[in-house]
Amino acid sequence: MSFAVIGPGKLGSILFQAAAGPRLVIGRSPEHLEPFRAQAELGVSTRLEDASQCQVTAVAVPAGACEQVFQELCPHLPPEHIVLNFSTNWDIPQTLVQQFPQLHLLNAKLVGSAIGISHGLKGLAVTNAARDNILARMRACLPGLELMAGDPARVRDINTRATRAALSAAVELEKELAAQNIPAPLIQAAAGCLMPGVLIAYQNGQLGGFAQKIVDELR
């Protein structure tokens, strides 16, 4: 399936790498599009209407630009086109959905960080897709990203809680080790390498005996 991503920033880059099939990248600044030129099978463009040649479009622009992008984009798209809004802080208004009933205008909120995904972690996007065939089309287009139907409105709170928990743990460890006069490079390795590695092993069910014992105690 052909895929267009609007917004060649960090999130747009992640979605581009997660996509399969012919890809098109659209952005306002030619210089921001240049890094994609050699990889994008359908090329790069500064024109929103060029997304009409694809079957699925992901919009990954700042919240303040979303409304204008959708208003300019939607009139050019053919029926049954899927448009995914990946902005965390902007939702597609119901008035727009009603204005373009022939399109599938969906919110898709990412649980995961662009940095984490760029380091090989697999993020998950929650979408309000109501039909299984639409979700199947999205999964076929974005095999590098987990996709599930649900309530995208809950993602912001989940991301906030997870971010706070991660940073609280890292800051607390740094303070604890600094109080013991541990050299800064060791602190940085513990917080920047050991902690993320342990969490990845925990998520993948690959903890060793020592770490699993700690988990059992915490539970």
N, C-alpha and C. Protein backbone atom coordinates (compact mmCIF):
# COMPACT_ATOMS: atom_id res chain seq x y z
N MET A 1 0.84 -1.19 0.00
CA MET A 1 0.00 0.00 0.00
C MET A 1 0.87 1.24 0.00
N SER A 2 0.45 2.26 -0.70
CA SER A 2 1.24 3.49 -0.78
C SER A 2 0.95 4.39 0.41
N PHE A 3 1.97 5.10 0.85
CA PHE A 3 1.92 5.83 2.11
C PHE A 3 2.55 7.21 1.94
N ALA A 4 1.84 8.23 2.42
CA ALA A 4 2.38 9.59 2.41
C ALA A 4 2.49 10.06 3.85
N VAL A 5 3.60 10.70 4.17
CA VAL A 5 3.75 11.32 5.48
C VAL A 5 3.92 12.81 5.27
N ILE A 6 3.12 13.58 5.98
CA ILE A 6 3.19 15.04 5.92
C ILE A 6 3.87 15.53 7.18
N GLY A 7 5.05 16.13 7.02
CA GLY A 7 5.83 16.59 8.16
C GLY A 7 7.11 15.80 8.29
N PRO A 8 8.23 16.32 7.76
CA PRO A 8 9.49 15.58 7.77
C PRO A 8 10.33 15.81 9.03
N GLY A 9 9.66 15.96 10.18
CA GLY A 9 10.38 16.13 11.45
C GLY A 9 10.72 14.80 12.09
N LYS A 10 10.94 14.82 13.42
CA LYS A 10 11.33 13.59 14.12
C LYS A 10 10.25 12.52 14.01
N LEU A 11 9.00 12.90 14.31
CA LEU A 11 7.93 11.91 14.24
C LEU A 11 7.70 11.46 12.81
N GLY A 12 7.73 12.40 11.86
CA GLY A 12 7.57 12.03 10.47
C GLY A 12 8.64 11.05 10.02
N SER A 13 9.85 11.24 10.49
CA SER A 13 10.95 10.33 10.14
C SER A 13 10.70 8.93 10.69
N ILE A 14 10.17 8.86 11.92
CA ILE A 14 9.85 7.56 12.52
C ILE A 14 8.76 6.85 11.72
N LEU A 15 7.72 7.58 11.34
CA LEU A 15 6.63 6.99 10.57
C LEU A 15 7.12 6.54 9.19
N PHE A 16 8.00 7.32 8.61
CA PHE A 16 8.58 6.97 7.31
C PHE A 16 9.32 5.64 7.40
N GLN A 17 10.12 5.47 8.45
CA GLN A 17 10.89 4.24 8.61
C GLN A 17 9.99 3.06 8.95
N ALA A 18 8.86 3.33 9.62
CA ALA A 18 7.95 2.25 10.01
C ALA A 18 7.08 1.77 8.86
N ALA A 19 7.01 2.56 7.79
CA ALA A 19 6.11 2.26 6.67
C ALA A 19 6.73 1.27 5.69
N ALA A 20 5.84 0.55 5.03
CA ALA A 20 6.26 -0.36 3.96
C ALA A 20 5.56 0.06 2.68
N GLY A 21 6.09 -0.38 1.56
CA GLY A 21 5.49 -0.02 0.28
C GLY A 21 5.97 1.33 -0.21
N PRO A 22 5.46 1.79 -1.32
CA PRO A 22 5.88 3.08 -1.88
C PRO A 22 5.58 4.22 -0.92
N ARG A 23 6.56 5.09 -0.69
CA ARG A 23 6.41 6.17 0.28
C ARG A 23 6.66 7.54 -0.36
N LEU A 24 5.89 8.51 0.13
CA LEU A 24 6.00 9.89 -0.30
C LEU A 24 6.15 10.76 0.93
N VAL A 25 7.03 11.75 0.89
CA VAL A 25 7.22 12.66 2.01
C VAL A 25 6.87 14.07 1.56
N ILE A 26 6.03 14.74 2.34
CA ILE A 26 5.56 16.08 1.99
C ILE A 26 5.92 17.05 3.11
N GLY A 27 6.46 18.18 2.73
CA GLY A 27 6.82 19.21 3.72
C GLY A 27 6.91 20.56 3.03
N ARG A 28 6.94 21.60 3.83
CA ARG A 28 6.97 22.95 3.28
C ARG A 28 8.35 23.38 2.82
N SER A 29 9.39 22.89 3.49
CA SER A 29 10.75 23.35 3.20
C SER A 29 11.53 22.30 2.41
N PRO A 30 11.96 22.63 1.21
CA PRO A 30 12.72 21.67 0.40
C PRO A 30 13.95 21.13 1.12
N GLU A 31 14.61 21.97 1.92
CA GLU A 31 15.83 21.50 2.60
C GLU A 31 15.53 20.42 3.63
N HIS A 32 14.33 20.46 4.24
CA HIS A 32 13.96 19.42 5.20
C HIS A 32 13.56 18.12 4.51
N LEU A 33 13.22 18.19 3.25
CA LEU A 33 12.83 17.01 2.48
C LEU A 33 14.02 16.28 1.88
N GLU A 34 15.13 16.99 1.73
CA GLU A 34 16.29 16.44 1.03
C GLU A 34 16.78 15.10 1.62
N PRO A 35 16.83 14.93 2.96
CA PRO A 35 17.31 13.65 3.49
C PRO A 35 16.46 12.44 3.09
N PHE A 36 15.22 12.68 2.67
CA PHE A 36 14.32 11.58 2.31
C PHE A 36 14.37 11.25 0.81
N ARG A 37 14.96 12.12 0.04
CA ARG A 37 14.85 12.01 -1.41
C ARG A 37 15.36 10.66 -1.94
N ALA A 38 16.46 10.18 -1.40
CA ALA A 38 17.06 8.95 -1.92
C ALA A 38 16.27 7.70 -1.52
N GLN A 39 15.49 7.79 -0.42
CA GLN A 39 14.79 6.60 0.07
C GLN A 39 13.32 6.57 -0.31
N ALA A 40 12.70 7.71 -0.48
CA ALA A 40 11.26 7.77 -0.75
C ALA A 40 10.95 7.30 -2.17
N GLU A 41 10.28 6.18 -2.27
CA GLU A 41 10.01 5.59 -3.59
C GLU A 41 9.15 6.49 -4.48
N LEU A 42 8.27 7.27 -3.86
CA LEU A 42 7.41 8.18 -4.61
C LEU A 42 7.93 9.62 -4.59
N GLY A 43 9.10 9.79 -4.05
CA GLY A 43 9.72 11.10 -4.05
C GLY A 43 9.31 11.98 -2.89
N VAL A 44 9.62 13.26 -3.01
CA VAL A 44 9.28 14.25 -2.00
C VAL A 44 8.53 15.39 -2.68
N SER A 45 7.76 16.14 -1.88
CA SER A 45 6.94 17.19 -2.47
C SER A 45 6.67 18.27 -1.44
N THR A 46 6.40 19.46 -1.94
CA THR A 46 5.96 20.56 -1.08
C THR A 46 4.47 20.82 -1.25
N ARG A 47 3.77 19.95 -1.98
CA ARG A 47 2.35 20.16 -2.27
C ARG A 47 1.51 19.11 -1.55
N LEU A 48 0.59 19.58 -0.69
CA LEU A 48 -0.26 18.67 0.06
C LEU A 48 -1.10 17.78 -0.85
N GLU A 49 -1.57 18.33 -1.95
CA GLU A 49 -2.46 17.58 -2.84
C GLU A 49 -1.80 16.34 -3.43
N ASP A 50 -0.47 16.26 -3.40
CA ASP A 50 0.20 15.09 -3.95
C ASP A 50 -0.06 13.84 -3.11
N ALA A 51 -0.56 14.02 -1.89
CA ALA A 51 -0.91 12.86 -1.06
C ALA A 51 -2.04 12.05 -1.69
N SER A 52 -2.76 12.63 -2.61
CA SER A 52 -3.89 11.95 -3.24
C SER A 52 -3.46 10.72 -4.04
N GLN A 53 -2.17 10.64 -4.39
CA GLN A 53 -1.69 9.48 -5.15
C GLN A 53 -1.47 8.27 -4.26
N CYS A 54 -1.56 8.46 -2.93
CA CYS A 54 -1.35 7.37 -1.98
C CYS A 54 -2.68 6.89 -1.41
N GLN A 55 -2.62 5.80 -0.68
CA GLN A 55 -3.82 5.22 -0.06
C GLN A 55 -3.96 5.60 1.41
N VAL A 56 -2.84 5.85 2.07
CA VAL A 56 -2.84 6.22 3.49
C VAL A 56 -1.93 7.43 3.66
N THR A 57 -2.40 8.41 4.43
CA THR A 57 -1.59 9.59 4.73
C THR A 57 -1.49 9.77 6.24
N ALA A 58 -0.29 9.97 6.73
CA ALA A 58 -0.06 10.28 8.14
C ALA A 58 0.34 11.74 8.25
N VAL A 59 -0.35 12.48 9.10
CA VAL A 59 -0.04 13.89 9.32
C VAL A 59 0.73 14.01 10.63
N ALA A 60 1.98 14.44 10.54
CA ALA A 60 2.86 14.55 11.71
C ALA A 60 3.43 15.95 11.78
N VAL A 61 2.53 16.92 11.97
CA VAL A 61 2.93 18.33 12.04
C VAL A 61 2.57 18.87 13.42
N PRO A 62 3.15 20.00 13.84
CA PRO A 62 2.80 20.58 15.14
C PRO A 62 1.31 20.85 15.25
N ALA A 63 0.81 20.80 16.48
CA ALA A 63 -0.63 20.95 16.71
C ALA A 63 -1.18 22.24 16.10
N GLY A 64 -0.40 23.31 16.16
CA GLY A 64 -0.87 24.59 15.66
C GLY A 64 -1.07 24.62 14.15
N ALA A 65 -0.46 23.67 13.45
CA ALA A 65 -0.59 23.63 11.98
C ALA A 65 -1.60 22.61 11.50
N CYS A 66 -2.12 21.77 12.39
CA CYS A 66 -2.96 20.65 11.98
C CYS A 66 -4.23 21.08 11.28
N GLU A 67 -4.95 22.02 11.85
CA GLU A 67 -6.24 22.39 11.27
C GLU A 67 -6.09 22.89 9.84
N GLN A 68 -5.10 23.75 9.60
CA GLN A 68 -4.89 24.27 8.26
C GLN A 68 -4.50 23.15 7.29
N VAL A 69 -3.63 22.25 7.73
CA VAL A 69 -3.21 21.14 6.87
C VAL A 69 -4.40 20.28 6.48
N PHE A 70 -5.25 19.94 7.44
CA PHE A 70 -6.40 19.08 7.15
C PHE A 70 -7.39 19.78 6.23
N GLN A 71 -7.60 21.06 6.48
CA GLN A 71 -8.55 21.80 5.64
C GLN A 71 -8.06 21.89 4.20
N GLU A 72 -6.76 22.05 4.00
CA GLU A 72 -6.21 22.14 2.65
C GLU A 72 -6.07 20.76 2.00
N LEU A 73 -5.82 19.74 2.82
CA LEU A 73 -5.55 18.41 2.29
C LEU A 73 -6.82 17.66 1.86
N CYS A 74 -7.82 17.63 2.71
CA CYS A 74 -8.97 16.75 2.53
C CYS A 74 -9.70 16.93 1.19
N PRO A 75 -9.89 18.15 0.68
CA PRO A 75 -10.62 18.28 -0.60
C PRO A 75 -9.94 17.58 -1.77
N HIS A 76 -8.67 17.28 -1.67
CA HIS A 76 -7.93 16.69 -2.79
C HIS A 76 -7.90 15.16 -2.74
N LEU A 77 -8.39 14.56 -1.66
CA LEU A 77 -8.22 13.12 -1.49
C LEU A 77 -9.39 12.33 -2.06
N PRO A 78 -9.09 11.15 -2.63
CA PRO A 78 -10.15 10.31 -3.20
C PRO A 78 -10.93 9.59 -2.09
N PRO A 79 -12.12 9.10 -2.39
CA PRO A 79 -12.91 8.36 -1.40
C PRO A 79 -12.13 7.16 -0.85
N GLU A 80 -12.40 6.85 0.41
CA GLU A 80 -11.80 5.72 1.13
C GLU A 80 -10.34 5.96 1.54
N HIS A 81 -9.83 7.14 1.27
CA HIS A 81 -8.47 7.47 1.69
C HIS A 81 -8.42 7.53 3.22
N ILE A 82 -7.38 6.99 3.81
CA ILE A 82 -7.19 7.00 5.27
C ILE A 82 -6.22 8.13 5.62
N VAL A 83 -6.65 9.01 6.53
CA VAL A 83 -5.79 10.10 7.01
C VAL A 83 -5.62 9.97 8.51
N LEU A 84 -4.39 9.84 8.95
CA LEU A 84 -4.08 9.63 10.37
C LEU A 84 -3.48 10.89 10.96
N ASN A 85 -4.09 11.39 12.01
CA ASN A 85 -3.57 12.55 12.73
C ASN A 85 -2.75 12.08 13.91
N PHE A 86 -1.43 12.28 13.84
CA PHE A 86 -0.53 11.82 14.90
C PHE A 86 -0.20 12.91 15.92
N SER A 87 -0.80 14.06 15.81
CA SER A 87 -0.54 15.12 16.79
C SER A 87 -1.12 14.74 18.14
N THR A 88 -0.32 14.83 19.20
CA THR A 88 -0.79 14.50 20.54
C THR A 88 -1.76 15.55 21.06
N ASN A 89 -1.54 16.79 20.69
CA ASN A 89 -2.28 17.90 21.29
C ASN A 89 -3.36 18.50 20.39
N TRP A 90 -3.77 17.78 19.37
CA TRP A 90 -4.85 18.25 18.51
C TRP A 90 -5.65 17.05 18.03
N ASP A 91 -6.98 17.16 18.08
CA ASP A 91 -7.86 16.10 17.61
C ASP A 91 -8.65 16.58 16.41
N ILE A 92 -8.95 15.68 15.52
CA ILE A 92 -9.76 16.00 14.35
C ILE A 92 -11.17 16.39 14.81
N PRO A 93 -11.64 17.57 14.50
CA PRO A 93 -12.99 17.97 14.93
C PRO A 93 -14.07 17.18 14.20
N GLN A 94 -15.17 16.94 14.88
CA GLN A 94 -16.26 16.19 14.29
C GLN A 94 -16.84 16.90 13.08
N THR A 95 -16.78 18.21 13.08
CA THR A 95 -17.29 18.96 11.92
C THR A 95 -16.51 18.62 10.66
N LEU A 96 -15.22 18.38 10.80
CA LEU A 96 -14.41 18.01 9.64
C LEU A 96 -14.76 16.60 9.16
N VAL A 97 -14.98 15.70 10.10
CA VAL A 97 -15.37 14.33 9.75
C VAL A 97 -16.69 14.36 8.97
N GLN A 98 -17.62 15.18 9.42
CA GLN A 98 -18.91 15.29 8.75
C GLN A 98 -18.79 15.96 7.38
N GLN A 99 -17.83 16.85 7.26
CA GLN A 99 -17.63 17.56 5.99
C GLN A 99 -17.09 16.65 4.91
N PHE A 100 -16.30 15.61 5.33
CA PHE A 100 -15.68 14.70 4.36
C PHE A 100 -16.02 13.25 4.73
N PRO A 101 -17.29 12.88 4.63
CA PRO A 101 -17.70 11.52 5.04
C PRO A 101 -17.11 10.42 4.17
N GLN A 102 -16.62 10.77 2.99
CA GLN A 102 -16.06 9.77 2.09
C GLN A 102 -14.64 9.36 2.48
N LEU A 103 -14.06 10.10 3.43
CA LEU A 103 -12.70 9.82 3.90
C LEU A 103 -12.73 9.15 5.27
N HIS A 104 -11.64 8.49 5.60
CA HIS A 104 -11.47 7.92 6.94
C HIS A 104 -10.49 8.82 7.70
N LEU A 105 -11.04 9.78 8.43
CA LEU A 105 -10.22 10.72 9.20
C LEU A 105 -10.11 10.20 10.62
N LEU A 106 -8.90 9.80 11.01
CA LEU A 106 -8.70 9.10 12.28
C LEU A 106 -7.59 9.74 13.10
N ASN A 107 -7.80 9.80 14.40
CA ASN A 107 -6.73 10.17 15.31
C ASN A 107 -5.89 8.94 15.61
N ALA A 108 -4.59 9.11 15.63
CA ALA A 108 -3.67 8.02 15.96
C ALA A 108 -2.62 8.60 16.92
N LYS A 109 -2.71 8.21 18.19
CA LYS A 109 -1.83 8.77 19.21
C LYS A 109 -0.76 7.75 19.59
N LEU A 110 0.47 8.19 19.59
CA LEU A 110 1.61 7.30 19.79
C LEU A 110 1.97 7.16 21.26
N VAL A 111 2.01 5.90 21.73
CA VAL A 111 2.55 5.59 23.05
C VAL A 111 3.99 5.15 22.82
N GLY A 112 4.90 6.02 23.10
CA GLY A 112 6.31 5.76 22.81
C GLY A 112 6.98 7.06 22.41
N SER A 113 8.29 7.07 22.47
CA SER A 113 9.03 8.28 22.11
C SER A 113 9.75 8.09 20.78
N ALA A 114 9.88 9.18 20.07
CA ALA A 114 10.60 9.12 18.80
C ALA A 114 12.03 8.64 19.00
N ILE A 115 12.66 9.08 20.09
CA ILE A 115 14.03 8.66 20.38
C ILE A 115 14.09 7.17 20.65
N GLY A 116 13.16 6.67 21.47
CA GLY A 116 13.14 5.24 21.78
C GLY A 116 12.94 4.40 20.54
N ILE A 117 12.01 4.81 19.69
CA ILE A 117 11.72 4.05 18.48
C ILE A 117 12.92 4.08 17.54
N SER A 118 13.61 5.23 17.48
CA SER A 118 14.79 5.32 16.62
C SER A 118 15.93 4.43 17.11
N HIS A 119 15.87 4.00 18.39
CA HIS A 119 16.87 3.08 18.94
C HIS A 119 16.39 1.63 18.91
N GLY A 120 15.34 1.37 18.16
CA GLY A 120 14.91 -0.01 17.97
C GLY A 120 13.72 -0.46 18.78
N LEU A 121 13.19 0.40 19.66
CA LEU A 121 12.00 0.03 20.42
C LEU A 121 10.77 0.18 19.54
N LYS A 122 9.78 -0.66 19.75
CA LYS A 122 8.59 -0.62 18.91
C LYS A 122 7.46 0.09 19.64
N GLY A 123 7.08 1.27 19.14
CA GLY A 123 6.01 2.02 19.75
C GLY A 123 4.66 1.48 19.34
N LEU A 124 3.64 1.99 20.01
CA LEU A 124 2.26 1.56 19.74
C LEU A 124 1.41 2.79 19.51
N ALA A 125 0.58 2.76 18.49
CA ALA A 125 -0.34 3.86 18.21
C ALA A 125 -1.76 3.39 18.46
N VAL A 126 -2.51 4.21 19.19
CA VAL A 126 -3.92 3.92 19.47
C VAL A 126 -4.76 4.76 18.53
N THR A 127 -5.68 4.12 17.84
CA THR A 127 -6.51 4.82 16.86
C THR A 127 -7.98 4.53 17.10
N ASN A 128 -8.82 5.44 16.68
CA ASN A 128 -10.26 5.26 16.84
C ASN A 128 -10.89 4.60 15.61
N ALA A 129 -10.10 3.81 14.88
CA ALA A 129 -10.64 3.07 13.74
C ALA A 129 -11.69 2.08 14.23
N ALA A 130 -12.89 2.15 13.67
CA ALA A 130 -13.99 1.32 14.14
C ALA A 130 -14.13 0.04 13.31
N ARG A 131 -13.58 0.01 12.13
CA ARG A 131 -13.75 -1.15 11.25
C ARG A 131 -12.45 -1.92 11.12
N ASP A 132 -12.55 -3.26 11.21
CA ASP A 132 -11.37 -4.11 11.16
C ASP A 132 -10.61 -3.96 9.86
N ASN A 133 -11.33 -3.76 8.74
CA ASN A 133 -10.63 -3.68 7.47
C ASN A 133 -9.79 -2.40 7.37
N ILE A 134 -10.23 -1.33 8.03
CA ILE A 134 -9.44 -0.10 8.04
C ILE A 134 -8.19 -0.30 8.88
N LEU A 135 -8.33 -0.94 10.03
CA LEU A 135 -7.17 -1.22 10.88
C LEU A 135 -6.19 -2.14 10.17
N ALA A 136 -6.70 -3.10 9.42
CA ALA A 136 -5.84 -4.01 8.67
C ALA A 136 -5.05 -3.27 7.60
N ARG A 137 -5.68 -2.31 6.94
CA ARG A 137 -4.99 -1.51 5.93
C ARG A 137 -3.89 -0.67 6.57
N MET A 138 -4.18 -0.13 7.75
CA MET A 138 -3.19 0.67 8.45
C MET A 138 -1.99 -0.18 8.87
N ARG A 139 -2.27 -1.38 9.36
CA ARG A 139 -1.18 -2.28 9.78
C ARG A 139 -0.34 -2.71 8.59
N ALA A 140 -0.97 -2.94 7.46
CA ALA A 140 -0.22 -3.33 6.27
C ALA A 140 0.69 -2.20 5.82
N CYS A 141 0.26 -0.97 6.06
CA CYS A 141 1.03 0.19 5.62
C CYS A 141 2.14 0.55 6.60
N LEU A 142 1.92 0.26 7.89
CA LEU A 142 2.89 0.63 8.93
C LEU A 142 3.30 -0.60 9.75
N PRO A 143 3.96 -1.57 9.13
CA PRO A 143 4.34 -2.79 9.86
C PRO A 143 5.37 -2.56 10.95
N GLY A 144 6.07 -1.44 10.90
CA GLY A 144 7.08 -1.16 11.91
C GLY A 144 6.52 -0.51 13.16
N LEU A 145 5.20 -0.42 13.25
CA LEU A 145 4.54 0.23 14.39
C LEU A 145 3.37 -0.61 14.83
N GLU A 146 3.27 -0.88 16.12
CA GLU A 146 2.09 -1.59 16.63
C GLU A 146 0.89 -0.66 16.54
N LEU A 147 -0.25 -1.20 16.14
CA LEU A 147 -1.47 -0.41 16.02
C LEU A 147 -2.61 -1.14 16.71
N MET A 148 -3.41 -0.42 17.47
CA MET A 148 -4.57 -1.02 18.10
C MET A 148 -5.73 -0.03 18.13
N ALA A 149 -6.94 -0.56 18.07
CA ALA A 149 -8.13 0.28 18.18
C ALA A 149 -8.40 0.55 19.65
N GLY A 150 -8.78 1.76 19.96
CA GLY A 150 -9.04 2.13 21.34
C GLY A 150 -9.41 3.59 21.44
N ASP A 151 -9.20 4.14 22.61
CA ASP A 151 -9.52 5.54 22.86
C ASP A 151 -8.24 6.38 22.82
N PRO A 152 -7.98 7.08 21.73
CA PRO A 152 -6.75 7.87 21.63
C PRO A 152 -6.65 8.96 22.69
N ALA A 153 -7.79 9.40 23.24
CA ALA A 153 -7.77 10.47 24.23
C ALA A 153 -7.04 10.08 25.50
N ARG A 154 -6.89 8.80 25.76
CA ARG A 154 -6.22 8.34 26.98
C ARG A 154 -4.70 8.37 26.86
N VAL A 155 -4.20 8.50 25.64
CA VAL A 155 -2.76 8.38 25.41
C VAL A 155 -1.98 9.51 26.06
N ARG A 156 -2.52 10.72 26.03
CA ARG A 156 -1.79 11.85 26.60
C ARG A 156 -1.50 11.62 28.08
N ASP A 157 -2.48 11.13 28.83
CA ASP A 157 -2.28 10.87 30.24
C ASP A 157 -1.29 9.74 30.46
N ILE A 158 -1.38 8.70 29.63
CA ILE A 158 -0.44 7.58 29.73
C ILE A 158 0.98 8.07 29.48
N ASN A 159 1.17 8.85 28.44
CA ASN A 159 2.51 9.37 28.12
C ASN A 159 3.05 10.25 29.24
N THR A 160 2.18 11.08 29.81
CA THR A 160 2.60 11.96 30.90
C THR A 160 3.05 11.14 32.11
N ARG A 161 2.25 10.15 32.48
CA ARG A 161 2.59 9.32 33.64
C ARG A 161 3.87 8.52 33.42
N ALA A 162 4.01 7.95 32.22
CA ALA A 162 5.19 7.15 31.93
C ALA A 162 6.45 8.02 31.90
N THR A 163 6.34 9.21 31.32
CA THR A 163 7.48 10.13 31.27
C THR A 163 7.89 10.55 32.67
N ARG A 164 6.91 10.90 33.49
CA ARG A 164 7.21 11.32 34.86
C ARG A 164 7.84 10.18 35.66
N ALA A 165 7.32 8.96 35.51
CA ALA A 165 7.87 7.83 36.24
C ALA A 165 9.31 7.54 35.84
N ALA A 166 9.57 7.61 34.52
CA ALA A 166 10.93 7.34 34.03
C ALA A 166 11.92 8.39 34.53
N LEU A 167 11.53 9.66 34.41
CA LEU A 167 12.44 10.72 34.83
C LEU A 167 12.62 10.76 36.35
N SER A 168 11.56 10.47 37.09
CA SER A 168 11.68 10.43 38.55
C SER A 168 12.67 9.36 38.98
N ALA A 169 12.59 8.18 38.34
CA ALA A 169 13.52 7.11 38.68
C ALA A 169 14.96 7.49 38.33
N ALA A 170 15.16 8.11 37.17
CA ALA A 170 16.51 8.48 36.75
C ALA A 170 17.09 9.57 37.65
N VAL A 171 16.30 10.58 37.95
CA VAL A 171 16.78 11.68 38.80
C VAL A 171 17.08 11.17 40.21
N GLU A 172 16.22 10.30 40.73
CA GLU A 172 16.43 9.75 42.08
C GLU A 172 17.71 8.93 42.13
N LEU A 173 17.96 8.13 41.09
CA LEU A 173 19.19 7.33 41.06
C LEU A 173 20.41 8.24 40.99
N GLU A 174 20.36 9.28 40.16
CA GLU A 174 21.49 10.21 40.05
C GLU A 174 21.79 10.87 41.39
N LYS A 175 20.75 11.29 42.09
CA LYS A 175 20.94 11.93 43.39
C LYS A 175 21.53 10.95 44.41
N GLU A 176 21.02 9.72 44.39
CA GLU A 176 21.49 8.70 45.33
C GLU A 176 22.96 8.37 45.11
N LEU A 177 23.36 8.19 43.84
CA LEU A 177 24.75 7.85 43.55
C LEU A 177 25.68 9.04 43.78
N ALA A 178 25.22 10.24 43.44
CA ALA A 178 26.04 11.43 43.67
C ALA A 178 26.31 11.62 45.16
N ALA A 179 25.34 11.28 46.00
CA ALA A 179 25.52 11.41 47.44
C ALA A 179 26.58 10.44 47.97
N GLN A 180 26.85 9.41 47.21
CA GLN A 180 27.88 8.44 47.59
C GLN A 180 29.21 8.74 46.89
N ASN A 181 29.30 9.92 46.27
CA ASN A 181 30.52 10.36 45.59
C ASN A 181 30.93 9.43 44.43
N ILE A 182 29.94 8.87 43.77
CA ILE A 182 30.21 8.04 42.59
C ILE A 182 30.60 8.96 41.44
N PRO A 183 31.65 8.66 40.70
CA PRO A 183 32.06 9.52 39.57
C PRO A 183 30.95 9.69 38.54
N ALA A 184 30.90 10.88 37.96
CA ALA A 184 29.84 11.22 37.01
C ALA A 184 29.71 10.24 35.84
N PRO A 185 30.83 9.76 35.24
CA PRO A 185 30.67 8.81 34.12
C PRO A 185 29.94 7.53 34.52
N LEU A 186 30.17 7.08 35.75
CA LEU A 186 29.47 5.88 36.22
C LEU A 186 27.98 6.16 36.41
N ILE A 187 27.67 7.33 36.91
CA ILE A 187 26.26 7.71 37.09
C ILE A 187 25.56 7.78 35.73
N GLN A 188 26.23 8.39 34.77
CA GLN A 188 25.64 8.52 33.44
C GLN A 188 25.42 7.15 32.80
N ALA A 189 26.37 6.22 32.99
CA ALA A 189 26.21 4.87 32.43
C ALA A 189 25.06 4.13 33.10
N ALA A 190 24.91 4.32 34.41
CA ALA A 190 23.85 3.64 35.14
C ALA A 190 22.48 4.14 34.70
N ALA A 191 22.34 5.46 34.58
CA ALA A 191 21.05 6.04 34.22
C ALA A 191 20.77 5.97 32.72
N GLY A 192 21.83 6.09 31.91
CA GLY A 192 21.64 6.19 30.47
C GLY A 192 21.72 4.87 29.72
N CYS A 193 22.32 3.85 30.33
CA CYS A 193 22.47 2.56 29.64
C CYS A 193 21.85 1.42 30.44
N LEU A 194 22.26 1.32 31.72
CA LEU A 194 21.78 0.20 32.53
C LEU A 194 20.26 0.25 32.73
N MET A 195 19.74 1.41 33.13
CA MET A 195 18.30 1.51 33.37
C MET A 195 17.47 1.21 32.12
N PRO A 196 17.77 1.85 30.96
CA PRO A 196 16.99 1.50 29.77
C PRO A 196 17.11 0.03 29.39
N GLY A 197 18.30 -0.54 29.55
CA GLY A 197 18.49 -1.95 29.22
C GLY A 197 17.66 -2.87 30.09
N VAL A 198 17.59 -2.55 31.37
CA VAL A 198 16.78 -3.36 32.29
C VAL A 198 15.31 -3.28 31.91
N LEU A 199 14.84 -2.08 31.56
CA LEU A 199 13.43 -1.91 31.19
C LEU A 199 13.10 -2.65 29.90
N ILE A 200 14.03 -2.65 28.95
CA ILE A 200 13.81 -3.40 27.71
C ILE A 200 13.72 -4.89 28.01
N ALA A 201 14.61 -5.39 28.85
CA ALA A 201 14.59 -6.81 29.22
C ALA A 201 13.30 -7.15 29.97
N TYR A 202 12.85 -6.24 30.82
CA TYR A 202 11.59 -6.45 31.55
C TYR A 202 10.42 -6.53 30.59
N GLN A 203 10.37 -5.62 29.65
CA GLN A 203 9.27 -5.58 28.68
C GLN A 203 9.26 -6.83 27.81
N ASN A 204 10.43 -7.35 27.47
CA ASN A 204 10.54 -8.50 26.58
C ASN A 204 10.57 -9.84 27.31
N GLY A 205 10.44 -9.81 28.64
CA GLY A 205 10.48 -11.04 29.42
C GLY A 205 11.83 -11.71 29.41
N GLN A 206 12.91 -10.90 29.41
CA GLN A 206 14.26 -11.45 29.30
C GLN A 206 15.12 -11.13 30.51
N LEU A 207 14.48 -10.85 31.64
CA LEU A 207 15.25 -10.54 32.85
C LEU A 207 16.02 -11.75 33.35
N GLY A 208 17.21 -11.48 33.90
CA GLY A 208 17.97 -12.53 34.56
C GLY A 208 17.42 -12.80 35.95
N GLY A 209 17.99 -13.79 36.61
CA GLY A 209 17.49 -14.18 37.93
C GLY A 209 17.55 -13.07 38.95
N PHE A 210 18.65 -12.31 38.97
CA PHE A 210 18.80 -11.22 39.94
C PHE A 210 17.73 -10.16 39.75
N ALA A 211 17.54 -9.74 38.50
CA ALA A 211 16.54 -8.71 38.21
C ALA A 211 15.12 -9.22 38.45
N GLN A 212 14.86 -10.47 38.09
CA GLN A 212 13.52 -11.03 38.30
C GLN A 212 13.18 -11.10 39.78
N LYS A 213 14.16 -11.38 40.61
CA LYS A 213 13.93 -11.41 42.05
C LYS A 213 13.49 -10.05 42.57
N ILE A 214 14.09 -8.98 42.01
CA ILE A 214 13.70 -7.62 42.40
C ILE A 214 12.26 -7.35 41.99
N VAL A 215 11.89 -7.79 40.79
CA VAL A 215 10.52 -7.61 40.33
C VAL A 215 9.55 -8.32 41.26
N ASP A 216 9.89 -9.53 41.63
CA ASP A 216 9.02 -10.30 42.53
C ASP A 216 8.85 -9.60 43.87
N GLU A 217 9.93 -9.00 44.37
CA GLU A 217 9.85 -8.27 45.64
C GLU A 217 8.96 -7.03 45.52
N LEU A 218 9.08 -6.32 44.38
CA LEU A 218 8.29 -5.11 44.17
C LEU A 218 6.81 -5.43 44.02
N ARG A 219 6.51 -6.57 43.47
CA ARG A 219 5.11 -6.94 43.28
C ARG A 219 4.49 -7.45 44.56
